[in-house]
Amino acid sequence: MEELFKLTISEAVEKLKSGEIKSSELLESVISRVEKVEPSVKAFITKTFDDARVLASESDKRYAGGKPLSNLDGIPLALKDVFCTKGIKTTAASKILEDFVPAYDATVVKKLKDAGAIIIGKVNTDEFTMGSSTETSFFGPTHNPWDTSRVPGGSSGGSAAAVAADECLFSLGTAV
């Protein structure tokens, strides 16, 4: 399989619009990459690959009909695990919330879904985003993919590590 996971968003959009690739192919490349590097990076808390595959298939149909929702349609992303996602665990990297499943989407999540972006999972953070290294998560630390003996830095280290390791084409984090 071609290393589609290495594409930028712009490159992926161009290839999707031209029909050179399908969203489902892009997604499977990203999932393969996650499965390969995740044991050492540990960026993800929750993976939503099955749901993502359904969304990629829907995106493929929109592209085939010449009606993508936006330039983010079919693009795989990871969300920092502090954004509420309807039907998907949102833990804030805390034991207290380890089984919390929101009944609604955060506004940014709703807008991404409406644009056709494909959530592949929720990524690690310092517990309740209180930290600067992504080492205080109940689920364990995330590692810098370029040197796994180091931290990725920031409370959005799961987002940063996932992007740096090519585990998604983009990720949302937070800043103070």
N, C-alpha and C. Protein backbone atom coordinates (compact mmCIF):
# COMPACT_ATOMS: atom_id res chain seq x y z
N MET A 1 0.85 -1.19 0.00
CA MET A 1 0.00 0.00 0.00
C MET A 1 0.89 1.24 0.00
N GLU A 2 0.55 2.16 -0.88
CA GLU A 2 1.28 3.42 -0.95
C GLU A 2 1.22 4.12 0.41
N GLU A 3 2.23 4.85 0.75
CA GLU A 3 2.29 5.54 2.03
C GLU A 3 1.46 6.83 1.99
N LEU A 4 0.16 6.67 1.83
CA LEU A 4 -0.74 7.81 1.75
C LEU A 4 -0.78 8.59 3.06
N PHE A 5 -0.44 7.93 4.16
CA PHE A 5 -0.44 8.60 5.46
C PHE A 5 0.54 9.77 5.50
N LYS A 6 1.48 9.83 4.58
CA LYS A 6 2.47 10.91 4.54
C LYS A 6 1.97 12.16 3.82
N LEU A 7 0.80 12.08 3.19
CA LEU A 7 0.29 13.22 2.44
C LEU A 7 -0.06 14.38 3.36
N THR A 8 0.11 15.60 2.85
CA THR A 8 -0.43 16.77 3.55
C THR A 8 -1.93 16.82 3.26
N ILE A 9 -2.65 17.65 3.99
CA ILE A 9 -4.08 17.80 3.72
C ILE A 9 -4.28 18.26 2.28
N SER A 10 -3.52 19.25 1.85
CA SER A 10 -3.67 19.77 0.48
C SER A 10 -3.42 18.70 -0.57
N GLU A 11 -2.37 17.91 -0.38
CA GLU A 11 -2.08 16.84 -1.32
C GLU A 11 -3.19 15.80 -1.35
N ALA A 12 -3.70 15.45 -0.16
CA ALA A 12 -4.78 14.46 -0.08
C ALA A 12 -6.04 14.99 -0.76
N VAL A 13 -6.38 16.25 -0.53
CA VAL A 13 -7.58 16.83 -1.14
C VAL A 13 -7.46 16.79 -2.66
N GLU A 14 -6.29 17.16 -3.17
CA GLU A 14 -6.07 17.15 -4.63
C GLU A 14 -6.28 15.74 -5.19
N LYS A 15 -5.72 14.74 -4.51
CA LYS A 15 -5.84 13.36 -4.98
C LYS A 15 -7.27 12.82 -4.83
N LEU A 16 -7.96 13.24 -3.78
CA LEU A 16 -9.35 12.83 -3.60
C LEU A 16 -10.24 13.44 -4.69
N LYS A 17 -10.06 14.73 -4.94
CA LYS A 17 -10.88 15.41 -5.94
C LYS A 17 -10.63 14.88 -7.35
N SER A 18 -9.39 14.51 -7.63
CA SER A 18 -9.07 14.00 -8.97
C SER A 18 -9.47 12.54 -9.14
N GLY A 19 -9.81 11.88 -8.06
CA GLY A 19 -10.18 10.46 -8.11
C GLY A 19 -8.98 9.54 -8.09
N GLU A 20 -7.78 10.11 -7.90
CA GLU A 20 -6.56 9.30 -7.86
C GLU A 20 -6.57 8.34 -6.66
N ILE A 21 -7.16 8.79 -5.56
CA ILE A 21 -7.29 7.95 -4.37
C ILE A 21 -8.72 8.08 -3.84
N LYS A 22 -9.07 7.16 -2.97
CA LYS A 22 -10.35 7.21 -2.27
C LYS A 22 -10.08 7.48 -0.80
N SER A 23 -11.06 8.06 -0.15
CA SER A 23 -10.96 8.31 1.29
C SER A 23 -10.71 7.02 2.05
N SER A 24 -11.36 5.94 1.63
CA SER A 24 -11.18 4.66 2.32
C SER A 24 -9.74 4.16 2.19
N GLU A 25 -9.09 4.41 1.06
CA GLU A 25 -7.68 4.02 0.89
C GLU A 25 -6.78 4.87 1.78
N LEU A 26 -7.06 6.16 1.82
CA LEU A 26 -6.29 7.05 2.69
C LEU A 26 -6.44 6.61 4.14
N LEU A 27 -7.66 6.35 4.55
CA LEU A 27 -7.91 5.91 5.92
C LEU A 27 -7.18 4.62 6.25
N GLU A 28 -7.23 3.63 5.36
CA GLU A 28 -6.56 2.36 5.65
C GLU A 28 -5.05 2.53 5.76
N SER A 29 -4.49 3.45 4.99
CA SER A 29 -3.06 3.74 5.09
C SER A 29 -2.74 4.33 6.47
N VAL A 30 -3.60 5.25 6.91
CA VAL A 30 -3.41 5.87 8.23
C VAL A 30 -3.57 4.83 9.34
N ILE A 31 -4.59 3.99 9.24
CA ILE A 31 -4.81 2.96 10.26
C ILE A 31 -3.62 2.01 10.32
N SER A 32 -3.09 1.62 9.18
CA SER A 32 -1.89 0.76 9.16
C SER A 32 -0.73 1.44 9.87
N ARG A 33 -0.59 2.72 9.62
CA ARG A 33 0.50 3.47 10.27
C ARG A 33 0.30 3.52 11.78
N VAL A 34 -0.93 3.78 12.21
CA VAL A 34 -1.22 3.80 13.65
C VAL A 34 -0.86 2.46 14.27
N GLU A 35 -1.30 1.38 13.64
CA GLU A 35 -1.04 0.05 14.18
C GLU A 35 0.46 -0.26 14.25
N LYS A 36 1.21 0.30 13.30
CA LYS A 36 2.65 0.05 13.28
C LYS A 36 3.39 0.83 14.37
N VAL A 37 3.08 2.10 14.54
CA VAL A 37 3.90 2.94 15.44
C VAL A 37 3.30 3.17 16.82
N GLU A 38 2.02 2.91 16.96
CA GLU A 38 1.35 3.22 18.23
C GLU A 38 1.94 2.48 19.43
N PRO A 39 2.39 1.26 19.31
CA PRO A 39 2.98 0.61 20.49
C PRO A 39 4.15 1.39 21.12
N SER A 40 4.88 2.14 20.33
CA SER A 40 5.98 2.91 20.90
C SER A 40 5.63 4.37 21.14
N VAL A 41 4.71 4.93 20.37
CA VAL A 41 4.36 6.35 20.52
C VAL A 41 3.33 6.56 21.63
N LYS A 42 2.31 5.74 21.65
CA LYS A 42 1.25 5.80 22.65
C LYS A 42 0.51 7.14 22.65
N ALA A 43 0.15 7.59 21.46
CA ALA A 43 -0.58 8.85 21.33
C ALA A 43 -2.08 8.67 21.61
N PHE A 44 -2.64 7.51 21.27
CA PHE A 44 -4.09 7.33 21.34
C PHE A 44 -4.57 6.76 22.67
N ILE A 45 -5.69 7.29 23.13
CA ILE A 45 -6.43 6.72 24.26
C ILE A 45 -7.54 5.84 23.71
N THR A 46 -8.26 6.35 22.73
CA THR A 46 -9.39 5.64 22.13
C THR A 46 -9.24 5.67 20.61
N LYS A 47 -9.43 4.52 19.97
CA LYS A 47 -9.41 4.45 18.50
C LYS A 47 -10.84 4.17 18.02
N THR A 48 -11.22 4.83 16.94
CA THR A 48 -12.58 4.69 16.40
C THR A 48 -12.53 4.24 14.94
N PHE A 49 -11.72 3.25 14.67
CA PHE A 49 -11.48 2.81 13.30
C PHE A 49 -12.74 2.29 12.60
N ASP A 50 -13.58 1.54 13.31
CA ASP A 50 -14.78 0.99 12.67
C ASP A 50 -15.71 2.11 12.21
N ASP A 51 -15.96 3.07 13.09
CA ASP A 51 -16.79 4.23 12.72
C ASP A 51 -16.13 5.00 11.58
N ALA A 52 -14.82 5.15 11.63
CA ALA A 52 -14.09 5.89 10.61
C ALA A 52 -14.24 5.22 9.25
N ARG A 53 -14.24 3.91 9.22
CA ARG A 53 -14.40 3.19 7.95
C ARG A 53 -15.77 3.46 7.33
N VAL A 54 -16.80 3.53 8.15
CA VAL A 54 -18.14 3.84 7.65
C VAL A 54 -18.14 5.26 7.07
N LEU A 55 -17.54 6.20 7.78
CA LEU A 55 -17.50 7.59 7.31
C LEU A 55 -16.68 7.72 6.03
N ALA A 56 -15.60 6.97 5.92
CA ALA A 56 -14.77 7.01 4.70
C ALA A 56 -15.56 6.49 3.50
N SER A 57 -16.36 5.46 3.70
CA SER A 57 -17.19 4.92 2.63
C SER A 57 -18.21 5.97 2.17
N GLU A 58 -18.79 6.68 3.13
CA GLU A 58 -19.75 7.74 2.79
C GLU A 58 -19.04 8.86 2.02
N SER A 59 -17.82 9.19 2.44
CA SER A 59 -17.03 10.22 1.75
C SER A 59 -16.72 9.77 0.33
N ASP A 60 -16.35 8.51 0.15
CA ASP A 60 -16.08 7.97 -1.19
C ASP A 60 -17.28 8.19 -2.11
N LYS A 61 -18.48 7.95 -1.60
CA LYS A 61 -19.70 8.13 -2.40
C LYS A 61 -19.90 9.60 -2.78
N ARG A 62 -19.61 10.50 -1.83
CA ARG A 62 -19.76 11.93 -2.13
C ARG A 62 -18.77 12.36 -3.21
N TYR A 63 -17.52 11.91 -3.09
CA TYR A 63 -16.53 12.25 -4.12
C TYR A 63 -16.91 11.65 -5.47
N ALA A 64 -17.38 10.42 -5.47
CA ALA A 64 -17.78 9.77 -6.73
C ALA A 64 -18.92 10.54 -7.41
N GLY A 65 -19.77 11.16 -6.60
CA GLY A 65 -20.87 11.95 -7.13
C GLY A 65 -20.50 13.40 -7.39
N GLY A 66 -19.23 13.73 -7.13
CA GLY A 66 -18.76 15.10 -7.36
C GLY A 66 -19.28 16.10 -6.34
N LYS A 67 -19.64 15.61 -5.13
CA LYS A 67 -20.21 16.50 -4.13
C LYS A 67 -19.58 16.34 -2.75
N PRO A 68 -18.24 16.54 -2.65
CA PRO A 68 -17.65 16.50 -1.31
C PRO A 68 -18.21 17.65 -0.47
N LEU A 69 -18.27 17.45 0.83
CA LEU A 69 -18.83 18.45 1.73
C LEU A 69 -17.93 19.67 1.88
N SER A 70 -16.62 19.45 1.83
CA SER A 70 -15.64 20.53 2.01
C SER A 70 -14.27 19.98 1.65
N ASN A 71 -13.24 20.79 1.82
CA ASN A 71 -11.88 20.31 1.59
C ASN A 71 -11.39 19.38 2.70
N LEU A 72 -12.15 19.25 3.77
CA LEU A 72 -11.79 18.30 4.83
C LEU A 72 -12.52 16.97 4.68
N ASP A 73 -13.42 16.88 3.71
CA ASP A 73 -14.18 15.65 3.51
C ASP A 73 -13.21 14.49 3.23
N GLY A 74 -13.31 13.45 4.07
CA GLY A 74 -12.49 12.26 3.89
C GLY A 74 -11.10 12.33 4.50
N ILE A 75 -10.79 13.41 5.20
CA ILE A 75 -9.45 13.58 5.78
C ILE A 75 -9.44 13.04 7.22
N PRO A 76 -8.56 12.07 7.52
CA PRO A 76 -8.48 11.49 8.86
C PRO A 76 -7.82 12.44 9.87
N LEU A 77 -8.46 12.56 11.04
CA LEU A 77 -7.91 13.39 12.10
C LEU A 77 -8.04 12.72 13.45
N ALA A 78 -7.23 13.18 14.38
CA ALA A 78 -7.30 12.74 15.77
C ALA A 78 -7.67 13.94 16.62
N LEU A 79 -8.45 13.71 17.67
CA LEU A 79 -8.86 14.78 18.56
C LEU A 79 -8.24 14.61 19.94
N LYS A 80 -7.75 15.70 20.49
CA LYS A 80 -7.31 15.68 21.88
C LYS A 80 -8.49 15.23 22.73
N ASP A 81 -8.25 14.36 23.67
CA ASP A 81 -9.32 13.73 24.44
C ASP A 81 -9.91 14.66 25.51
N VAL A 82 -10.15 15.89 25.12
CA VAL A 82 -10.88 16.82 25.98
C VAL A 82 -12.09 17.39 25.24
N PHE A 83 -12.17 17.14 23.93
CA PHE A 83 -13.30 17.60 23.14
C PHE A 83 -14.42 16.57 23.23
N CYS A 84 -15.60 16.99 23.66
CA CYS A 84 -16.72 16.06 23.76
C CYS A 84 -17.11 15.54 22.39
N THR A 85 -17.31 14.23 22.33
CA THR A 85 -17.67 13.54 21.09
C THR A 85 -18.84 12.61 21.39
N LYS A 86 -19.97 12.91 20.78
CA LYS A 86 -21.17 12.11 21.00
C LYS A 86 -20.91 10.65 20.68
N GLY A 87 -21.17 9.79 21.68
CA GLY A 87 -21.03 8.36 21.48
C GLY A 87 -19.61 7.81 21.55
N ILE A 88 -18.62 8.69 21.77
CA ILE A 88 -17.23 8.26 21.86
C ILE A 88 -16.67 8.73 23.21
N LYS A 89 -15.96 7.86 23.90
CA LYS A 89 -15.39 8.23 25.19
C LYS A 89 -14.64 9.56 25.12
N THR A 90 -14.82 10.35 26.15
CA THR A 90 -14.06 11.58 26.34
C THR A 90 -13.56 11.53 27.78
N THR A 91 -12.28 11.21 27.96
CA THR A 91 -11.76 10.93 29.30
C THR A 91 -10.98 12.06 29.93
N ALA A 92 -10.53 13.02 29.14
CA ALA A 92 -9.62 14.06 29.63
C ALA A 92 -8.40 13.42 30.31
N ALA A 93 -8.08 12.20 29.89
CA ALA A 93 -6.94 11.43 30.40
C ALA A 93 -7.01 11.17 31.90
N SER A 94 -8.23 11.07 32.41
CA SER A 94 -8.44 10.90 33.85
C SER A 94 -9.19 9.61 34.18
N LYS A 95 -8.81 8.98 35.27
CA LYS A 95 -9.52 7.79 35.73
C LYS A 95 -10.97 8.13 36.06
N ILE A 96 -11.19 9.33 36.58
CA ILE A 96 -12.54 9.75 36.96
C ILE A 96 -13.49 9.67 35.76
N LEU A 97 -12.99 10.01 34.57
CA LEU A 97 -13.83 10.04 33.37
C LEU A 97 -13.55 8.88 32.41
N GLU A 98 -12.89 7.82 32.87
CA GLU A 98 -12.46 6.76 31.95
C GLU A 98 -13.60 6.10 31.19
N ASP A 99 -14.83 6.19 31.69
CA ASP A 99 -15.97 5.59 30.98
C ASP A 99 -17.01 6.62 30.55
N PHE A 100 -16.65 7.91 30.57
CA PHE A 100 -17.60 8.95 30.21
C PHE A 100 -17.81 9.01 28.70
N VAL A 101 -19.07 8.90 28.28
CA VAL A 101 -19.43 9.00 26.87
C VAL A 101 -20.45 10.14 26.74
N PRO A 102 -20.04 11.26 26.15
CA PRO A 102 -20.94 12.41 26.05
C PRO A 102 -22.15 12.13 25.16
N ALA A 103 -23.24 12.85 25.45
CA ALA A 103 -24.47 12.75 24.66
C ALA A 103 -24.50 13.81 23.57
N TYR A 104 -23.42 14.55 23.43
CA TYR A 104 -23.37 15.65 22.45
C TYR A 104 -21.94 15.83 21.96
N ASP A 105 -21.82 16.54 20.84
CA ASP A 105 -20.51 16.91 20.29
C ASP A 105 -20.18 18.34 20.68
N ALA A 106 -18.91 18.60 20.97
CA ALA A 106 -18.45 19.97 21.12
C ALA A 106 -18.68 20.67 19.78
N THR A 107 -18.83 21.98 19.81
CA THR A 107 -19.10 22.73 18.57
C THR A 107 -18.06 22.46 17.51
N VAL A 108 -16.79 22.46 17.87
CA VAL A 108 -15.73 22.22 16.88
C VAL A 108 -15.84 20.82 16.28
N VAL A 109 -16.22 19.86 17.08
CA VAL A 109 -16.38 18.48 16.59
C VAL A 109 -17.56 18.42 15.62
N LYS A 110 -18.65 19.06 15.96
CA LYS A 110 -19.82 19.09 15.07
C LYS A 110 -19.44 19.72 13.74
N LYS A 111 -18.69 20.81 13.76
CA LYS A 111 -18.29 21.48 12.52
C LYS A 111 -17.38 20.58 11.68
N LEU A 112 -16.46 19.88 12.33
CA LEU A 112 -15.59 18.95 11.60
C LEU A 112 -16.39 17.82 10.97
N LYS A 113 -17.33 17.27 11.72
CA LYS A 113 -18.17 16.20 11.18
C LYS A 113 -19.00 16.71 10.01
N ASP A 114 -19.57 17.91 10.17
CA ASP A 114 -20.38 18.49 9.09
C ASP A 114 -19.55 18.73 7.83
N ALA A 115 -18.24 18.92 8.01
CA ALA A 115 -17.33 19.13 6.87
C ALA A 115 -16.87 17.81 6.27
N GLY A 116 -17.23 16.68 6.91
CA GLY A 116 -16.85 15.37 6.38
C GLY A 116 -15.52 14.84 6.88
N ALA A 117 -14.87 15.57 7.80
CA ALA A 117 -13.61 15.09 8.37
C ALA A 117 -13.89 13.79 9.13
N ILE A 118 -12.90 12.91 9.17
CA ILE A 118 -13.08 11.58 9.74
C ILE A 118 -12.24 11.44 11.01
N ILE A 119 -12.93 11.33 12.13
CA ILE A 119 -12.27 11.15 13.43
C ILE A 119 -11.82 9.70 13.55
N ILE A 120 -10.51 9.51 13.74
CA ILE A 120 -10.00 8.13 13.88
C ILE A 120 -9.75 7.77 15.34
N GLY A 121 -9.86 8.76 16.23
CA GLY A 121 -9.69 8.46 17.64
C GLY A 121 -9.41 9.70 18.45
N LYS A 122 -9.24 9.44 19.75
CA LYS A 122 -8.97 10.49 20.73
C LYS A 122 -7.56 10.29 21.25
N VAL A 123 -6.80 11.38 21.33
CA VAL A 123 -5.39 11.28 21.70
C VAL A 123 -5.11 11.83 23.09
N ASN A 124 -4.00 11.39 23.61
CA ASN A 124 -3.59 11.60 24.98
C ASN A 124 -3.29 13.07 25.30
N THR A 125 -3.34 13.35 26.58
CA THR A 125 -3.09 14.68 27.12
C THR A 125 -2.67 14.51 28.58
N ASP A 126 -2.14 15.56 29.16
CA ASP A 126 -1.99 15.54 30.61
C ASP A 126 -3.40 15.52 31.20
N GLU A 127 -3.57 14.87 32.35
CA GLU A 127 -4.90 14.76 32.95
C GLU A 127 -5.54 16.13 33.09
N PHE A 128 -6.74 16.25 32.55
CA PHE A 128 -7.49 17.51 32.51
C PHE A 128 -6.67 18.65 31.89
N THR A 129 -5.73 18.31 31.05
CA THR A 129 -4.81 19.23 30.35
C THR A 129 -3.94 20.03 31.32
N MET A 130 -3.80 19.53 32.54
CA MET A 130 -3.00 20.25 33.54
C MET A 130 -1.59 19.67 33.57
N GLY A 131 -0.74 20.19 32.72
CA GLY A 131 0.64 19.75 32.64
C GLY A 131 1.27 20.27 31.37
N SER A 132 2.50 19.88 31.17
CA SER A 132 3.20 20.40 29.99
C SER A 132 4.08 19.36 29.32
N SER A 133 3.75 18.08 29.54
CA SER A 133 4.61 17.03 28.98
C SER A 133 3.86 15.80 28.48
N THR A 134 2.58 15.71 28.74
CA THR A 134 1.77 14.54 28.43
C THR A 134 2.32 13.30 29.14
N GLU A 135 2.71 13.51 30.39
CA GLU A 135 3.19 12.40 31.23
C GLU A 135 2.24 12.10 32.38
N THR A 136 1.26 12.98 32.64
CA THR A 136 0.40 12.79 33.81
C THR A 136 -0.94 12.16 33.47
N SER A 137 -1.07 11.58 32.30
CA SER A 137 -2.29 10.90 31.89
C SER A 137 -2.49 9.63 32.70
N PHE A 138 -3.72 9.36 33.08
CA PHE A 138 -4.06 8.09 33.73
C PHE A 138 -3.69 6.91 32.83
N PHE A 139 -3.71 7.14 31.53
CA PHE A 139 -3.47 6.07 30.55
C PHE A 139 -1.99 5.90 30.20
N GLY A 140 -1.13 6.64 30.88
CA GLY A 140 0.30 6.53 30.65
C GLY A 140 0.82 7.65 29.77
N PRO A 141 2.13 7.82 29.72
CA PRO A 141 2.72 8.91 28.95
C PRO A 141 2.73 8.64 27.45
N THR A 142 2.72 9.72 26.69
CA THR A 142 2.94 9.64 25.24
C THR A 142 4.42 9.90 25.01
N HIS A 143 4.97 9.26 23.99
CA HIS A 143 6.39 9.41 23.68
C HIS A 143 6.59 10.22 22.41
N ASN A 144 7.67 10.94 22.36
CA ASN A 144 8.06 11.68 21.17
C ASN A 144 8.42 10.66 20.10
N PRO A 145 7.76 10.67 18.94
CA PRO A 145 8.04 9.64 17.94
C PRO A 145 9.44 9.73 17.33
N TRP A 146 10.09 10.85 17.43
CA TRP A 146 11.44 11.00 16.88
C TRP A 146 12.50 10.51 17.84
N ASP A 147 12.16 10.44 19.13
CA ASP A 147 13.05 9.91 20.16
C ASP A 147 12.16 9.49 21.32
N THR A 148 11.81 8.21 21.38
CA THR A 148 10.83 7.74 22.35
C THR A 148 11.31 7.80 23.79
N SER A 149 12.56 8.18 24.01
CA SER A 149 13.02 8.39 25.39
C SER A 149 12.62 9.79 25.88
N ARG A 150 12.05 10.58 24.98
CA ARG A 150 11.65 11.96 25.31
C ARG A 150 10.13 12.10 25.23
N VAL A 151 9.64 13.19 25.82
CA VAL A 151 8.21 13.49 25.78
C VAL A 151 7.92 14.39 24.58
N PRO A 152 6.68 14.40 24.11
CA PRO A 152 6.35 15.29 23.00
C PRO A 152 6.17 16.74 23.43
N GLY A 153 5.98 16.96 24.73
CA GLY A 153 5.80 18.32 25.24
C GLY A 153 4.37 18.79 25.14
N GLY A 154 4.01 19.68 26.03
CA GLY A 154 2.68 20.28 26.03
C GLY A 154 1.61 19.34 26.52
N SER A 155 0.48 19.90 26.93
CA SER A 155 -0.64 19.06 27.32
C SER A 155 -1.30 18.43 26.10
N SER A 156 -0.99 18.96 24.92
CA SER A 156 -1.50 18.38 23.67
C SER A 156 -0.47 17.47 23.02
N GLY A 157 0.35 16.84 23.83
CA GLY A 157 1.41 15.97 23.32
C GLY A 157 0.89 14.80 22.50
N GLY A 158 -0.29 14.28 22.83
CA GLY A 158 -0.86 13.20 22.02
C GLY A 158 -1.16 13.68 20.62
N SER A 159 -1.70 14.90 20.51
CA SER A 159 -1.97 15.49 19.19
C SER A 159 -0.68 15.70 18.42
N ALA A 160 0.31 16.28 19.10
CA ALA A 160 1.59 16.56 18.44
C ALA A 160 2.27 15.27 17.99
N ALA A 161 2.29 14.28 18.87
CA ALA A 161 2.96 13.02 18.54
C ALA A 161 2.24 12.30 17.40
N ALA A 162 0.90 12.33 17.40
CA ALA A 162 0.15 11.66 16.34
C ALA A 162 0.46 12.28 14.98
N VAL A 163 0.56 13.60 14.92
CA VAL A 163 0.87 14.27 13.66
C VAL A 163 2.33 13.99 13.26
N ALA A 164 3.24 14.12 14.22
CA ALA A 164 4.66 13.91 13.92
C ALA A 164 4.95 12.48 13.48
N ALA A 165 4.18 11.52 13.98
CA ALA A 165 4.37 10.11 13.63
C ALA A 165 3.56 9.71 12.40
N ASP A 166 2.88 10.66 11.76
CA ASP A 166 2.04 10.39 10.60
C ASP A 166 0.90 9.43 10.92
N GLU A 167 0.34 9.54 12.13
CA GLU A 167 -0.79 8.71 12.52
C GLU A 167 -2.13 9.34 12.15
N CYS A 168 -2.09 10.54 11.61
CA CYS A 168 -3.26 11.25 11.13
C CYS A 168 -2.76 12.40 10.27
N LEU A 169 -3.65 12.96 9.46
CA LEU A 169 -3.21 14.09 8.64
C LEU A 169 -3.24 15.40 9.41
N PHE A 170 -4.12 15.47 10.44
CA PHE A 170 -4.10 16.60 11.34
C PHE A 170 -4.76 16.21 12.65
N SER A 171 -4.55 17.06 13.66
CA SER A 171 -5.11 16.80 14.98
C SER A 171 -5.44 18.12 15.64
N LEU A 172 -6.46 18.10 16.47
CA LEU A 172 -6.78 19.29 17.25
C LEU A 172 -6.24 19.12 18.65
N GLY A 173 -5.58 20.15 19.12
CA GLY A 173 -5.12 20.24 20.49
C GLY A 173 -5.70 21.51 21.08
N THR A 174 -5.14 21.95 22.18
CA THR A 174 -5.57 23.20 22.80
C THR A 174 -4.34 24.00 23.20
N ALA A 175 -4.55 25.27 23.42
CA ALA A 175 -3.47 26.14 23.88
C ALA A 175 -4.01 27.07 24.94
N VAL A 176 -3.11 27.56 25.77
CA VAL A 176 -3.52 28.51 26.80
C VAL A 176 -3.06 29.90 26.43
